[in-house]
Amino acid sequence: MVVTTERDEMTWYKCETCGLMFDDQADAIQHEEHCDDEDPSYLQ
C-alpha cells in the first residue's frame, strides 16, 4: 500500500514495503506492484 506524506511542502508517495518515495502517485503504485523489499535495481 502506498502511503501519502508531506515533506518540503510537497506531497510524496511512499512504498510501505521498502520505503522508497515518489513525487508521483502512479509511479509509486507501479513500483509497489513489483517491489520485493530488496535493494532497488537502480543501485546495482
C-alpha atoms as a PDB file:
ATOM      1  CA  MET A   1       0.000   0.000   0.000  1.00  0.00           C
ATOM      2  CA  VAL A   2       1.266   3.468  -0.887  1.00  0.00           C
ATOM      3  CA  VAL A   3       1.376   5.969   1.998  1.00  0.00           C
ATOM      4  CA  THR A   4       0.995   9.714   1.478  1.00  0.00           C
ATOM      5  CA  THR A   5       3.317  12.027   3.390  1.00  0.00           C
ATOM      6  CA  GLU A   6       4.069  15.749   3.360  1.00  0.00           C
ATOM      7  CA  ARG A   7       7.709  16.828   3.137  1.00  0.00           C
ATOM      8  CA  ASP A   8       9.307  20.084   1.945  1.00  0.00           C
ATOM      9  CA  GLU A   9       5.833  21.496   1.230  1.00  0.00           C
ATOM     10  CA  MET A  10       5.220  18.685  -1.284  1.00  0.00           C
ATOM     11  CA  THR A  11       3.139  15.541  -1.209  1.00  0.00           C
ATOM     12  CA  TRP A  12       5.201  12.370  -1.504  1.00  0.00           C
ATOM     13  CA  TYR A  13       4.070   8.780  -2.001  1.00  0.00           C
ATOM     14  CA  LYS A  14       5.996   6.150  -0.067  1.00  0.00           C
ATOM     15  CA  CYS A  15       6.196   2.423  -0.736  1.00  0.00           C
ATOM     16  CA  GLU A  16       5.369   0.701   2.552  1.00  0.00           C
ATOM     17  CA  THR A  17       7.405  -2.336   1.548  1.00  0.00           C
ATOM     18  CA  CYS A  18      10.821  -0.735   1.008  1.00  0.00           C
ATOM     19  CA  GLY A  19      10.324   2.929   1.951  1.00  0.00           C
ATOM     20  CA  LEU A  20      11.204   4.397  -1.441  1.00  0.00           C
ATOM     21  CA  MET A  21       9.486   7.749  -2.001  1.00  0.00           C
ATOM     22  CA  PHE A  22       7.977   9.132  -5.206  1.00  0.00           C
ATOM     23  CA  ASP A  23       6.542  12.514  -6.159  1.00  0.00           C
ATOM     24  CA  ASP A  24       4.001  10.879  -8.468  1.00  0.00           C
ATOM     25  CA  GLN A  25       1.336   8.545  -7.068  1.00  0.00           C
ATOM     26  CA  ALA A  26       1.116   6.463 -10.261  1.00  0.00           C
ATOM     27  CA  ASP A  27       4.879   5.832 -10.145  1.00  0.00           C
ATOM     28  CA  ALA A  28       4.647   4.763  -6.511  1.00  0.00           C
ATOM     29  CA  ILE A  29       1.770   2.375  -7.216  1.00  0.00           C
ATOM     30  CA  GLN A  30       3.575   0.855 -10.197  1.00  0.00           C
ATOM     31  CA  HIS A  31       6.766   0.421  -8.148  1.00  0.00           C
ATOM     32  CA  GLU A  32       4.927  -1.180  -5.249  1.00  0.00           C
ATOM     33  CA  GLU A  33       3.272  -3.753  -7.533  1.00  0.00           C
ATOM     34  CA  HIS A  34       6.745  -5.058  -8.401  1.00  0.00           C
ATOM     35  CA  CYS A  35       8.554  -4.353  -5.121  1.00  0.00           C
ATOM     36  CA  ASP A  36      10.185  -7.351  -3.465  1.00  0.00           C
ATOM     37  CA  ASP A  37      11.697  -5.463  -0.487  1.00  0.00           C
ATOM     38  CA  GLU A  38      15.248  -5.805  -1.771  1.00  0.00           C
ATOM     39  CA  ASP A  39      17.639  -3.036  -2.727  1.00  0.00           C
ATOM     40  CA  PRO A  40      16.269  -1.056  -5.675  1.00  0.00           C
ATOM     41  CA  SER A  41      17.580  -2.324  -9.012  1.00  0.00           C
ATOM     42  CA  TYR A  42      18.981   1.092  -9.942  1.00  0.00           C
ATOM     43  CA  LEU A  43      21.665   0.653  -7.255  1.00  0.00           C
ATOM     44  CA  GLN A  44      23.194  -2.344  -8.997  1.00  0.00           C
END
